[in-house]
Amino acid sequence: MSDPGVPVVEWSGSAQPDAPLVVMLHGWGETETEMTARVPSLPPGPAYASLRAPYFQGRHRAWFTKGQPFTTTAGWFEDWLDSIHAYERPIVLVGFSAGAAFAGGVLLLNPRRYLGAAILSGTLPFDAGVETPTDRLIGKSVLLVHNTADAMIPPELLDRAWRYLTGDSGACTHALRFEGGHGVSEQAVVALGHWLDEVLVK
């Protein structure tokens, strides 16, 4: 099994230790830098932490690796939160593609710790042993953004995530579909900004 190693993080936004924390989780073929580049289009006020995925798959960074249980990487992630003393801070997860699956899995494992998650062009880690019970996410806010021509993720997985997050999960889910392929469009960034404003003002 691979050792996740020491987390690598790019910080932006507020430097106040009690500011709401938005954790940005990049997609396949990206790094933390691409997520940081989206922060100027998002609301001021929170602290934004763009985290680098801990594993390599070929030349790319990945949130999942063969033979490593999802709970191991989720534990690594929450140990990092503990290390930055995030116990009392409101925390929101924002993931794109593979980062969206990781964000959704972390939220499902420990929903009490997070206000919610934004799932951008992604699904949930259905094959990683993370359970999706009825009403698991009651009281949590979810932004779900899918694109009509996404050729990266199998349609059945996108549909399954859509059905669960808008139904049995119990989450307060704002679900949107935009035209286009796999990626984070300007429309998605605008929607994310509005959602963050609503969730962090509650």
N, C-alpha and C. Protein backbone atom coordinates (compact mmCIF):
# COMPACT_ATOMS: atom_id res chain seq x y z
N MET A 1 0.83 -1.20 0.00
CA MET A 1 0.00 0.00 0.00
C MET A 1 0.86 1.26 0.00
N SER A 2 0.35 2.32 -0.63
CA SER A 2 1.08 3.57 -0.71
C SER A 2 0.84 4.40 0.54
N ASP A 3 1.86 5.13 0.94
CA ASP A 3 1.74 6.05 2.06
C ASP A 3 1.27 7.40 1.50
N PRO A 4 0.15 7.95 2.00
CA PRO A 4 -0.31 9.24 1.47
C PRO A 4 0.68 10.38 1.65
N GLY A 5 1.54 10.27 2.63
CA GLY A 5 2.56 11.30 2.83
C GLY A 5 2.03 12.56 3.48
N VAL A 6 2.85 13.60 3.46
CA VAL A 6 2.51 14.88 4.09
C VAL A 6 1.64 15.68 3.13
N PRO A 7 0.50 16.20 3.58
CA PRO A 7 -0.37 16.97 2.69
C PRO A 7 0.33 18.21 2.13
N VAL A 8 0.07 18.48 0.85
CA VAL A 8 0.55 19.69 0.19
C VAL A 8 -0.66 20.56 -0.09
N VAL A 9 -0.61 21.82 0.39
CA VAL A 9 -1.78 22.69 0.36
C VAL A 9 -1.38 24.07 -0.15
N GLU A 10 -2.21 24.64 -1.01
CA GLU A 10 -2.09 26.04 -1.40
C GLU A 10 -3.22 26.82 -0.72
N TRP A 11 -2.85 27.86 0.00
CA TRP A 11 -3.82 28.66 0.74
C TRP A 11 -4.10 29.97 0.02
N SER A 12 -5.35 30.41 0.10
CA SER A 12 -5.73 31.72 -0.42
C SER A 12 -6.96 32.19 0.34
N GLY A 13 -7.39 33.41 0.07
CA GLY A 13 -8.53 33.95 0.80
C GLY A 13 -8.15 34.41 2.19
N SER A 14 -9.08 34.34 3.13
CA SER A 14 -8.88 34.86 4.47
C SER A 14 -7.77 34.11 5.21
N ALA A 15 -7.01 34.87 5.99
CA ALA A 15 -6.00 34.28 6.86
C ALA A 15 -6.46 34.22 8.31
N GLN A 16 -7.72 34.59 8.55
CA GLN A 16 -8.24 34.56 9.91
C GLN A 16 -8.42 33.11 10.37
N PRO A 17 -7.95 32.76 11.56
CA PRO A 17 -8.00 31.36 11.99
C PRO A 17 -9.40 30.82 12.22
N ASP A 18 -10.40 31.72 12.35
CA ASP A 18 -11.77 31.26 12.56
C ASP A 18 -12.65 31.43 11.33
N ALA A 19 -12.06 31.81 10.21
CA ALA A 19 -12.84 31.98 8.98
C ALA A 19 -13.37 30.64 8.50
N PRO A 20 -14.54 30.62 7.88
CA PRO A 20 -15.01 29.37 7.27
C PRO A 20 -13.96 28.81 6.33
N LEU A 21 -13.87 27.49 6.27
CA LEU A 21 -12.84 26.83 5.48
C LEU A 21 -13.49 26.11 4.29
N VAL A 22 -13.04 26.45 3.10
CA VAL A 22 -13.48 25.79 1.88
C VAL A 22 -12.31 24.96 1.36
N VAL A 23 -12.46 23.65 1.37
CA VAL A 23 -11.40 22.76 0.91
C VAL A 23 -11.66 22.39 -0.54
N MET A 24 -10.69 22.69 -1.40
CA MET A 24 -10.80 22.49 -2.84
C MET A 24 -10.04 21.22 -3.24
N LEU A 25 -10.73 20.32 -3.93
CA LEU A 25 -10.17 19.01 -4.28
C LEU A 25 -10.18 18.84 -5.80
N HIS A 26 -9.01 18.78 -6.38
CA HIS A 26 -8.87 18.83 -7.84
C HIS A 26 -9.23 17.51 -8.51
N GLY A 27 -9.35 17.59 -9.83
CA GLY A 27 -9.71 16.42 -10.62
C GLY A 27 -8.51 15.71 -11.21
N TRP A 28 -8.81 14.62 -11.92
CA TRP A 28 -7.78 13.82 -12.59
C TRP A 28 -7.06 14.69 -13.62
N GLY A 29 -5.74 14.64 -13.61
CA GLY A 29 -4.94 15.43 -14.55
C GLY A 29 -4.70 16.85 -14.10
N GLU A 30 -5.30 17.24 -12.98
CA GLU A 30 -5.07 18.57 -12.42
C GLU A 30 -4.18 18.47 -11.19
N THR A 31 -3.87 19.63 -10.63
CA THR A 31 -3.20 19.71 -9.34
C THR A 31 -3.94 20.75 -8.51
N GLU A 32 -3.44 21.01 -7.34
CA GLU A 32 -4.05 22.01 -6.48
C GLU A 32 -4.05 23.39 -7.11
N THR A 33 -3.10 23.65 -8.01
CA THR A 33 -2.97 24.98 -8.61
C THR A 33 -4.19 25.35 -9.45
N GLU A 34 -4.75 24.38 -10.16
CA GLU A 34 -5.94 24.67 -10.97
C GLU A 34 -7.12 25.06 -10.11
N MET A 35 -7.26 24.42 -8.95
CA MET A 35 -8.36 24.79 -8.07
C MET A 35 -8.13 26.17 -7.46
N THR A 36 -6.90 26.48 -7.09
CA THR A 36 -6.59 27.80 -6.55
C THR A 36 -6.92 28.89 -7.57
N ALA A 37 -6.70 28.60 -8.85
CA ALA A 37 -6.95 29.58 -9.90
C ALA A 37 -8.42 29.97 -10.00
N ARG A 38 -9.30 29.14 -9.46
CA ARG A 38 -10.74 29.43 -9.51
C ARG A 38 -11.19 30.29 -8.32
N VAL A 39 -10.36 30.41 -7.32
CA VAL A 39 -10.76 31.12 -6.09
C VAL A 39 -11.09 32.58 -6.34
N PRO A 40 -10.35 33.35 -7.18
CA PRO A 40 -10.71 34.75 -7.37
C PRO A 40 -12.13 34.98 -7.86
N SER A 41 -12.75 33.97 -8.45
CA SER A 41 -14.13 34.09 -8.92
C SER A 41 -15.15 33.70 -7.84
N LEU A 42 -14.67 33.32 -6.67
CA LEU A 42 -15.54 32.86 -5.59
C LEU A 42 -15.65 33.93 -4.50
N PRO A 43 -16.61 33.79 -3.59
CA PRO A 43 -16.84 34.85 -2.60
C PRO A 43 -15.63 35.08 -1.70
N PRO A 44 -15.35 36.35 -1.37
CA PRO A 44 -14.33 36.64 -0.36
C PRO A 44 -14.88 36.30 1.01
N GLY A 45 -13.99 36.14 1.96
CA GLY A 45 -14.42 35.84 3.33
C GLY A 45 -13.91 34.52 3.83
N PRO A 46 -14.17 33.41 3.13
CA PRO A 46 -13.63 32.13 3.61
C PRO A 46 -12.12 32.02 3.38
N ALA A 47 -11.53 31.07 4.08
CA ALA A 47 -10.18 30.61 3.75
C ALA A 47 -10.34 29.46 2.76
N TYR A 48 -9.56 29.49 1.69
CA TYR A 48 -9.61 28.45 0.67
C TYR A 48 -8.32 27.64 0.74
N ALA A 49 -8.48 26.34 0.88
CA ALA A 49 -7.33 25.43 0.93
C ALA A 49 -7.43 24.46 -0.23
N SER A 50 -6.52 24.57 -1.17
CA SER A 50 -6.48 23.66 -2.32
C SER A 50 -5.48 22.56 -2.01
N LEU A 51 -6.00 21.35 -1.88
CA LEU A 51 -5.20 20.21 -1.42
C LEU A 51 -4.76 19.37 -2.61
N ARG A 52 -3.53 18.89 -2.56
CA ARG A 52 -3.00 18.00 -3.61
C ARG A 52 -3.35 16.56 -3.30
N ALA A 53 -3.87 15.84 -4.29
CA ALA A 53 -4.17 14.42 -4.10
C ALA A 53 -2.90 13.67 -3.74
N PRO A 54 -2.98 12.67 -2.83
CA PRO A 54 -1.78 12.09 -2.24
C PRO A 54 -1.09 11.00 -3.05
N TYR A 55 -1.75 10.46 -4.08
CA TYR A 55 -1.18 9.31 -4.78
C TYR A 55 -0.84 9.66 -6.23
N PHE A 56 0.02 8.84 -6.81
CA PHE A 56 0.30 8.92 -8.25
C PHE A 56 -0.35 7.74 -8.95
N GLN A 57 -0.99 8.02 -10.08
CA GLN A 57 -1.40 6.99 -11.03
C GLN A 57 -0.79 7.40 -12.36
N GLY A 58 0.26 6.69 -12.74
CA GLY A 58 1.03 7.15 -13.89
C GLY A 58 1.69 8.47 -13.56
N ARG A 59 1.44 9.47 -14.39
CA ARG A 59 2.02 10.80 -14.16
C ARG A 59 1.07 11.74 -13.42
N HIS A 60 -0.15 11.26 -13.14
CA HIS A 60 -1.16 12.13 -12.58
C HIS A 60 -1.41 11.85 -11.10
N ARG A 61 -1.83 12.88 -10.41
CA ARG A 61 -2.21 12.76 -9.01
C ARG A 61 -3.60 12.16 -8.89
N ALA A 62 -3.81 11.35 -7.86
CA ALA A 62 -5.09 10.66 -7.69
C ALA A 62 -5.49 10.61 -6.22
N TRP A 63 -6.81 10.60 -5.98
CA TRP A 63 -7.36 10.49 -4.63
C TRP A 63 -7.56 9.04 -4.23
N PHE A 64 -7.50 8.16 -5.21
CA PHE A 64 -7.71 6.73 -4.97
C PHE A 64 -6.52 5.97 -5.53
N THR A 65 -6.15 4.88 -4.90
CA THR A 65 -5.09 4.03 -5.43
C THR A 65 -5.41 2.58 -5.13
N LYS A 66 -4.97 1.71 -5.98
CA LYS A 66 -5.30 0.28 -5.86
C LYS A 66 -4.78 -0.27 -4.53
N GLY A 67 -5.65 -0.99 -3.85
CA GLY A 67 -5.26 -1.65 -2.60
C GLY A 67 -5.32 -0.78 -1.37
N GLN A 68 -5.68 0.51 -1.55
CA GLN A 68 -5.75 1.41 -0.40
C GLN A 68 -7.22 1.68 -0.07
N PRO A 69 -7.71 1.27 1.09
CA PRO A 69 -9.11 1.52 1.43
C PRO A 69 -9.43 3.02 1.43
N PHE A 70 -10.64 3.34 1.03
CA PHE A 70 -11.06 4.73 1.03
C PHE A 70 -10.91 5.34 2.42
N THR A 71 -11.20 4.55 3.45
CA THR A 71 -11.14 5.07 4.81
C THR A 71 -9.73 5.51 5.21
N THR A 72 -8.72 4.89 4.59
CA THR A 72 -7.33 5.29 4.89
C THR A 72 -7.07 6.71 4.41
N THR A 73 -7.49 6.99 3.17
CA THR A 73 -7.27 8.33 2.63
C THR A 73 -8.17 9.35 3.32
N ALA A 74 -9.40 8.95 3.64
CA ALA A 74 -10.28 9.85 4.38
C ALA A 74 -9.70 10.17 5.75
N GLY A 75 -9.09 9.17 6.41
CA GLY A 75 -8.44 9.41 7.70
C GLY A 75 -7.27 10.35 7.57
N TRP A 76 -6.48 10.18 6.50
CA TRP A 76 -5.36 11.09 6.22
C TRP A 76 -5.87 12.52 6.06
N PHE A 77 -6.99 12.68 5.37
CA PHE A 77 -7.58 13.99 5.14
C PHE A 77 -8.05 14.61 6.47
N GLU A 78 -8.72 13.83 7.29
CA GLU A 78 -9.23 14.38 8.54
C GLU A 78 -8.10 14.61 9.56
N ASP A 79 -7.05 13.83 9.48
CA ASP A 79 -5.88 14.12 10.32
C ASP A 79 -5.29 15.47 9.95
N TRP A 80 -5.28 15.78 8.67
CA TRP A 80 -4.79 17.10 8.24
C TRP A 80 -5.68 18.21 8.79
N LEU A 81 -7.01 18.02 8.72
CA LEU A 81 -7.91 19.02 9.30
C LEU A 81 -7.62 19.22 10.79
N ASP A 82 -7.41 18.12 11.49
CA ASP A 82 -7.09 18.22 12.92
C ASP A 82 -5.78 18.98 13.13
N SER A 83 -4.82 18.77 12.23
CA SER A 83 -3.50 19.40 12.39
C SER A 83 -3.56 20.90 12.22
N ILE A 84 -4.57 21.40 11.50
CA ILE A 84 -4.70 22.86 11.33
C ILE A 84 -5.77 23.41 12.28
N HIS A 85 -6.16 22.60 13.26
CA HIS A 85 -7.08 23.02 14.32
C HIS A 85 -8.40 23.51 13.74
N ALA A 86 -8.99 22.70 12.84
CA ALA A 86 -10.24 23.08 12.18
C ALA A 86 -11.47 22.60 12.92
N TYR A 87 -11.31 22.25 14.20
CA TYR A 87 -12.42 21.65 14.95
C TYR A 87 -13.67 22.53 14.98
N GLU A 88 -13.51 23.82 15.20
CA GLU A 88 -14.65 24.71 15.39
C GLU A 88 -15.04 25.46 14.13
N ARG A 89 -14.31 25.29 13.05
CA ARG A 89 -14.58 26.08 11.85
C ARG A 89 -15.66 25.43 10.99
N PRO A 90 -16.55 26.23 10.41
CA PRO A 90 -17.44 25.67 9.39
C PRO A 90 -16.60 25.21 8.19
N ILE A 91 -16.85 23.99 7.72
CA ILE A 91 -16.05 23.44 6.62
C ILE A 91 -16.97 23.01 5.48
N VAL A 92 -16.60 23.42 4.28
CA VAL A 92 -17.30 23.03 3.06
C VAL A 92 -16.29 22.37 2.14
N LEU A 93 -16.69 21.29 1.48
CA LEU A 93 -15.85 20.59 0.53
C LEU A 93 -16.28 20.93 -0.89
N VAL A 94 -15.30 21.19 -1.76
CA VAL A 94 -15.59 21.47 -3.17
C VAL A 94 -14.69 20.56 -4.01
N GLY A 95 -15.31 19.65 -4.74
CA GLY A 95 -14.52 18.71 -5.53
C GLY A 95 -14.93 18.71 -6.99
N PHE A 96 -13.94 18.55 -7.85
CA PHE A 96 -14.18 18.40 -9.29
C PHE A 96 -13.76 17.01 -9.73
N SER A 97 -14.63 16.32 -10.46
CA SER A 97 -14.31 15.02 -11.06
C SER A 97 -13.92 14.01 -9.98
N ALA A 98 -12.69 13.48 -10.03
CA ALA A 98 -12.26 12.53 -8.99
C ALA A 98 -12.26 13.18 -7.62
N GLY A 99 -11.95 14.47 -7.57
CA GLY A 99 -12.02 15.20 -6.31
C GLY A 99 -13.44 15.31 -5.78
N ALA A 100 -14.42 15.32 -6.70
CA ALA A 100 -15.83 15.33 -6.29
C ALA A 100 -16.20 14.01 -5.63
N ALA A 101 -15.73 12.91 -6.21
CA ALA A 101 -16.00 11.60 -5.61
C ALA A 101 -15.38 11.51 -4.22
N PHE A 102 -14.17 12.04 -4.08
CA PHE A 102 -13.53 12.03 -2.76
C PHE A 102 -14.30 12.90 -1.78
N ALA A 103 -14.71 14.09 -2.21
CA ALA A 103 -15.47 14.98 -1.34
C ALA A 103 -16.77 14.32 -0.89
N GLY A 104 -17.47 13.69 -1.84
CA GLY A 104 -18.71 13.03 -1.49
C GLY A 104 -18.51 11.89 -0.52
N GLY A 105 -17.43 11.13 -0.70
CA GLY A 105 -17.14 10.02 0.19
C GLY A 105 -16.81 10.48 1.59
N VAL A 106 -16.02 11.54 1.69
CA VAL A 106 -15.66 12.08 3.00
C VAL A 106 -16.90 12.59 3.73
N LEU A 107 -17.77 13.28 2.99
CA LEU A 107 -19.01 13.77 3.58
C LEU A 107 -19.88 12.63 4.08
N LEU A 108 -19.97 11.56 3.29
CA LEU A 108 -20.79 10.41 3.69
C LEU A 108 -20.23 9.72 4.93
N LEU A 109 -18.92 9.65 5.05
CA LEU A 109 -18.32 8.98 6.19
C LEU A 109 -18.49 9.76 7.49
N ASN A 110 -18.45 11.08 7.39
CA ASN A 110 -18.49 11.90 8.61
C ASN A 110 -19.29 13.17 8.38
N PRO A 111 -20.60 13.04 8.13
CA PRO A 111 -21.39 14.22 7.77
C PRO A 111 -21.46 15.28 8.86
N ARG A 112 -21.29 14.91 10.11
CA ARG A 112 -21.39 15.90 11.18
C ARG A 112 -20.30 16.96 11.10
N ARG A 113 -19.19 16.63 10.47
CA ARG A 113 -18.06 17.55 10.47
C ARG A 113 -18.19 18.67 9.43
N TYR A 114 -19.04 18.50 8.44
CA TYR A 114 -19.07 19.40 7.29
C TYR A 114 -20.45 20.00 7.09
N LEU A 115 -20.46 21.25 6.58
CA LEU A 115 -21.73 21.86 6.20
C LEU A 115 -22.30 21.19 4.95
N GLY A 116 -21.41 20.76 4.07
CA GLY A 116 -21.86 20.13 2.84
C GLY A 116 -20.73 20.03 1.84
N ALA A 117 -21.11 19.73 0.60
CA ALA A 117 -20.11 19.53 -0.44
C ALA A 117 -20.66 19.95 -1.80
N ALA A 118 -19.78 20.46 -2.63
CA ALA A 118 -20.08 20.74 -4.03
C ALA A 118 -19.47 19.63 -4.87
N ILE A 119 -20.32 18.96 -5.65
CA ILE A 119 -19.92 17.84 -6.50
C ILE A 119 -19.97 18.34 -7.94
N LEU A 120 -18.82 18.68 -8.49
CA LEU A 120 -18.75 19.30 -9.82
C LEU A 120 -18.25 18.29 -10.84
N SER A 121 -19.09 17.99 -11.83
CA SER A 121 -18.74 17.02 -12.87
C SER A 121 -18.23 15.73 -12.25
N GLY A 122 -18.97 15.21 -11.29
CA GLY A 122 -18.50 14.02 -10.59
C GLY A 122 -19.64 13.15 -10.09
N THR A 123 -19.25 12.07 -9.49
CA THR A 123 -20.19 11.10 -8.93
C THR A 123 -19.78 10.83 -7.48
N LEU A 124 -20.21 9.73 -6.94
CA LEU A 124 -19.83 9.32 -5.59
C LEU A 124 -18.99 8.04 -5.67
N PRO A 125 -18.19 7.75 -4.65
CA PRO A 125 -17.30 6.58 -4.70
C PRO A 125 -18.06 5.28 -4.39
N PHE A 126 -18.98 4.94 -5.28
CA PHE A 126 -19.85 3.78 -5.04
C PHE A 126 -19.07 2.48 -4.91
N ASP A 127 -17.96 2.36 -5.61
CA ASP A 127 -17.20 1.10 -5.62
C ASP A 127 -16.08 1.08 -4.58
N ALA A 128 -16.04 2.09 -3.71
CA ALA A 128 -14.94 2.19 -2.75
C ALA A 128 -15.33 1.75 -1.35
N GLY A 129 -16.49 1.13 -1.22
CA GLY A 129 -16.90 0.63 0.09
C GLY A 129 -17.57 1.66 0.97
N VAL A 130 -17.87 2.86 0.42
CA VAL A 130 -18.56 3.89 1.19
C VAL A 130 -20.06 3.67 1.04
N GLU A 131 -20.75 3.50 2.14
CA GLU A 131 -22.18 3.23 2.08
C GLU A 131 -22.98 4.49 1.80
N THR A 132 -24.14 4.30 1.17
CA THR A 132 -25.03 5.42 0.83
C THR A 132 -26.42 5.15 1.41
N PRO A 133 -26.54 5.14 2.72
CA PRO A 133 -27.83 4.82 3.33
C PRO A 133 -28.84 5.95 3.18
N THR A 134 -30.09 5.61 3.30
CA THR A 134 -31.17 6.59 3.28
C THR A 134 -31.01 7.57 4.43
N ASP A 135 -31.22 8.85 4.10
CA ASP A 135 -31.21 9.95 5.08
C ASP A 135 -29.84 10.20 5.71
N ARG A 136 -28.78 9.70 5.10
CA ARG A 136 -27.45 9.90 5.66
C ARG A 136 -27.05 11.37 5.71
N LEU A 137 -27.55 12.17 4.76
CA LEU A 137 -27.08 13.56 4.65
C LEU A 137 -28.17 14.57 5.02
N ILE A 138 -29.09 14.17 5.85
CA ILE A 138 -30.11 15.12 6.31
C ILE A 138 -29.43 16.32 6.98
N GLY A 139 -29.86 17.51 6.58
CA GLY A 139 -29.30 18.74 7.15
C GLY A 139 -28.06 19.23 6.44
N LYS A 140 -27.54 18.47 5.49
CA LYS A 140 -26.34 18.88 4.76
C LYS A 140 -26.74 19.55 3.43
N SER A 141 -25.93 20.49 3.00
CA SER A 141 -26.16 21.18 1.72
C SER A 141 -25.24 20.59 0.66
N VAL A 142 -25.81 20.31 -0.50
CA VAL A 142 -25.03 19.76 -1.60
C VAL A 142 -25.33 20.56 -2.87
N LEU A 143 -24.28 20.93 -3.58
CA LEU A 143 -24.39 21.47 -4.93
C LEU A 143 -23.93 20.38 -5.88
N LEU A 144 -24.80 19.99 -6.79
CA LEU A 144 -24.49 18.94 -7.76
C LEU A 144 -24.57 19.54 -9.15
N VAL A 145 -23.44 19.55 -9.86
CA VAL A 145 -23.39 20.10 -11.22
C VAL A 145 -22.91 19.03 -12.18
N HIS A 146 -23.75 18.68 -13.13
CA HIS A 146 -23.39 17.76 -14.20
C HIS A 146 -23.49 18.47 -15.54
N ASN A 147 -22.74 17.97 -16.51
CA ASN A 147 -22.76 18.52 -17.86
C ASN A 147 -23.37 17.51 -18.82
N THR A 148 -24.11 18.00 -19.80
CA THR A 148 -24.91 17.13 -20.65
C THR A 148 -24.08 16.23 -21.56
N ALA A 149 -22.85 16.64 -21.87
CA ALA A 149 -22.02 15.86 -22.80
C ALA A 149 -20.75 15.35 -22.12
N ASP A 150 -20.86 14.99 -20.84
CA ASP A 150 -19.71 14.48 -20.09
C ASP A 150 -19.38 13.07 -20.58
N ALA A 151 -18.25 12.95 -21.26
CA ALA A 151 -17.83 11.65 -21.80
C ALA A 151 -16.79 10.97 -20.92
N MET A 152 -16.44 11.58 -19.79
CA MET A 152 -15.40 11.04 -18.92
C MET A 152 -15.96 10.03 -17.91
N ILE A 153 -17.13 10.32 -17.36
CA ILE A 153 -17.72 9.49 -16.32
C ILE A 153 -18.90 8.72 -16.91
N PRO A 154 -18.99 7.42 -16.68
CA PRO A 154 -20.11 6.62 -17.22
C PRO A 154 -21.46 7.22 -16.82
N PRO A 155 -22.38 7.32 -17.77
CA PRO A 155 -23.69 7.92 -17.48
C PRO A 155 -24.42 7.26 -16.33
N GLU A 156 -24.26 5.92 -16.19
CA GLU A 156 -24.99 5.25 -15.13
C GLU A 156 -24.50 5.70 -13.74
N LEU A 157 -23.21 6.05 -13.63
CA LEU A 157 -22.70 6.54 -12.35
C LEU A 157 -23.18 7.96 -12.08
N LEU A 158 -23.20 8.79 -13.11
CA LEU A 158 -23.74 10.14 -12.95
C LEU A 158 -25.21 10.09 -12.54
N ASP A 159 -25.98 9.23 -13.21
CA ASP A 159 -27.40 9.11 -12.89
C ASP A 159 -27.61 8.58 -11.46
N ARG A 160 -26.78 7.63 -11.07
CA ARG A 160 -26.92 7.06 -9.73
C ARG A 160 -26.64 8.11 -8.66
N ALA A 161 -25.60 8.92 -8.87
CA ALA A 161 -25.28 9.99 -7.93
C ALA A 161 -26.41 11.02 -7.89
N TRP A 162 -26.94 11.36 -9.05
CA TRP A 162 -28.03 12.34 -9.14
C TRP A 162 -29.25 11.85 -8.35
N ARG A 163 -29.62 10.58 -8.57
CA ARG A 163 -30.79 10.04 -7.89
C ARG A 163 -30.60 10.02 -6.38
N TYR A 164 -29.43 9.60 -5.94
CA TYR A 164 -29.19 9.50 -4.50
C TYR A 164 -29.15 10.88 -3.84
N LEU A 165 -28.41 11.80 -4.44
CA LEU A 165 -28.22 13.10 -3.80
C LEU A 165 -29.47 13.96 -3.85
N THR A 166 -30.34 13.74 -4.83
CA THR A 166 -31.59 14.49 -4.89
C THR A 166 -32.75 13.72 -4.25
N GLY A 167 -32.48 12.52 -3.75
CA GLY A 167 -33.54 11.69 -3.19
C GLY A 167 -33.20 11.10 -1.85
N ASP A 168 -32.76 9.85 -1.85
CA ASP A 168 -32.62 9.08 -0.62
C ASP A 168 -31.62 9.65 0.38
N SER A 169 -30.65 10.43 -0.09
CA SER A 169 -29.62 10.95 0.84
C SER A 169 -30.22 11.84 1.92
N GLY A 170 -31.34 12.52 1.59
CA GLY A 170 -31.92 13.46 2.53
C GLY A 170 -31.27 14.83 2.52
N ALA A 171 -30.25 15.01 1.70
CA ALA A 171 -29.54 16.30 1.63
C ALA A 171 -30.43 17.37 1.01
N CYS A 172 -30.12 18.61 1.34
CA CYS A 172 -30.71 19.75 0.64
C CYS A 172 -29.83 20.00 -0.59
N THR A 173 -30.23 19.41 -1.70
CA THR A 173 -29.38 19.39 -2.89
C THR A 173 -29.90 20.35 -3.95
N HIS A 174 -28.99 21.22 -4.41
CA HIS A 174 -29.27 22.09 -5.55
C HIS A 174 -28.58 21.45 -6.75
N ALA A 175 -29.38 20.86 -7.64
CA ALA A 175 -28.83 20.08 -8.75
C ALA A 175 -29.03 20.82 -10.07
N LEU A 176 -27.95 20.93 -10.83
CA LEU A 176 -27.96 21.67 -12.08
C LEU A 176 -27.31 20.86 -13.19
N ARG A 177 -27.83 21.02 -14.41
CA ARG A 177 -27.18 20.46 -15.59
C ARG A 177 -26.90 21.59 -16.56
N PHE A 178 -25.64 21.64 -17.03
CA PHE A 178 -25.25 22.63 -18.02
C PHE A 178 -24.80 21.93 -19.29
N GLU A 179 -24.88 22.62 -20.40
CA GLU A 179 -24.37 22.08 -21.65
C GLU A 179 -22.85 22.04 -21.60
N GLY A 180 -22.29 21.06 -22.32
CA GLY A 180 -20.83 20.97 -22.39
C GLY A 180 -20.31 19.64 -21.92
N GLY A 181 -18.99 19.48 -22.06
CA GLY A 181 -18.32 18.25 -21.69
C GLY A 181 -17.79 18.29 -20.27
N HIS A 182 -16.89 17.36 -20.00
CA HIS A 182 -16.33 17.21 -18.66
C HIS A 182 -15.46 18.41 -18.32
N GLY A 183 -15.81 19.12 -17.26
CA GLY A 183 -15.03 20.29 -16.87
C GLY A 183 -15.85 21.17 -15.95
N VAL A 184 -15.23 22.28 -15.54
CA VAL A 184 -15.89 23.26 -14.69
C VAL A 184 -16.08 24.52 -15.52
N SER A 185 -17.31 24.75 -15.96
CA SER A 185 -17.61 25.88 -16.81
C SER A 185 -17.74 27.17 -16.00
N GLU A 186 -17.80 28.29 -16.72
CA GLU A 186 -18.04 29.56 -16.04
C GLU A 186 -19.39 29.54 -15.32
N GLN A 187 -20.38 28.88 -15.92
CA GLN A 187 -21.69 28.77 -15.27
C GLN A 187 -21.59 28.01 -13.95
N ALA A 188 -20.76 26.97 -13.97
CA ALA A 188 -20.60 26.18 -12.74
C ALA A 188 -19.91 26.99 -11.65
N VAL A 189 -18.92 27.80 -12.02
CA VAL A 189 -18.23 28.63 -11.04
C VAL A 189 -19.18 29.67 -10.45
N VAL A 190 -20.03 30.25 -11.30
CA VAL A 190 -21.02 31.22 -10.80
C VAL A 190 -21.98 30.53 -9.84
N ALA A 191 -22.45 29.35 -10.20
CA ALA A 191 -23.36 28.60 -9.33
C ALA A 191 -22.68 28.24 -8.02
N LEU A 192 -21.41 27.87 -8.10
CA LEU A 192 -20.65 27.54 -6.89
C LEU A 192 -20.54 28.76 -5.97
N GLY A 193 -20.28 29.92 -6.56
CA GLY A 193 -20.19 31.14 -5.75
C GLY A 193 -21.48 31.45 -5.02
N HIS A 194 -22.61 31.33 -5.72
CA HIS A 194 -23.90 31.58 -5.09
C HIS A 194 -24.17 30.57 -3.97
N TRP A 195 -23.83 29.31 -4.25
CA TRP A 195 -24.05 28.26 -3.25
C TRP A 195 -23.21 28.49 -2.00
N LEU A 196 -21.94 28.85 -2.19
CA LEU A 196 -21.08 29.13 -1.04
C LEU A 196 -21.62 30.29 -0.22
N ASP A 197 -22.09 31.33 -0.88
CA ASP A 197 -22.68 32.45 -0.16
C ASP A 197 -23.85 31.99 0.70
N GLU A 198 -24.71 31.15 0.14
CA GLU A 198 -25.89 30.69 0.88
C GLU A 198 -25.49 29.79 2.05
N VAL A 199 -24.59 28.85 1.79
CA VAL A 199 -24.24 27.86 2.82
C VAL A 199 -23.47 28.51 3.96
N LEU A 200 -22.57 29.41 3.65
CA LEU A 200 -21.71 29.99 4.68
C LEU A 200 -22.35 31.14 5.43
N VAL A 201 -23.49 31.63 4.94
CA VAL A 201 -24.19 32.69 5.65
C VAL A 201 -25.18 32.12 6.65
N LYS A 202 -25.54 30.82 6.49
CA LYS A 202 -26.52 30.20 7.39
C LYS A 202 -26.07 30.29 8.85
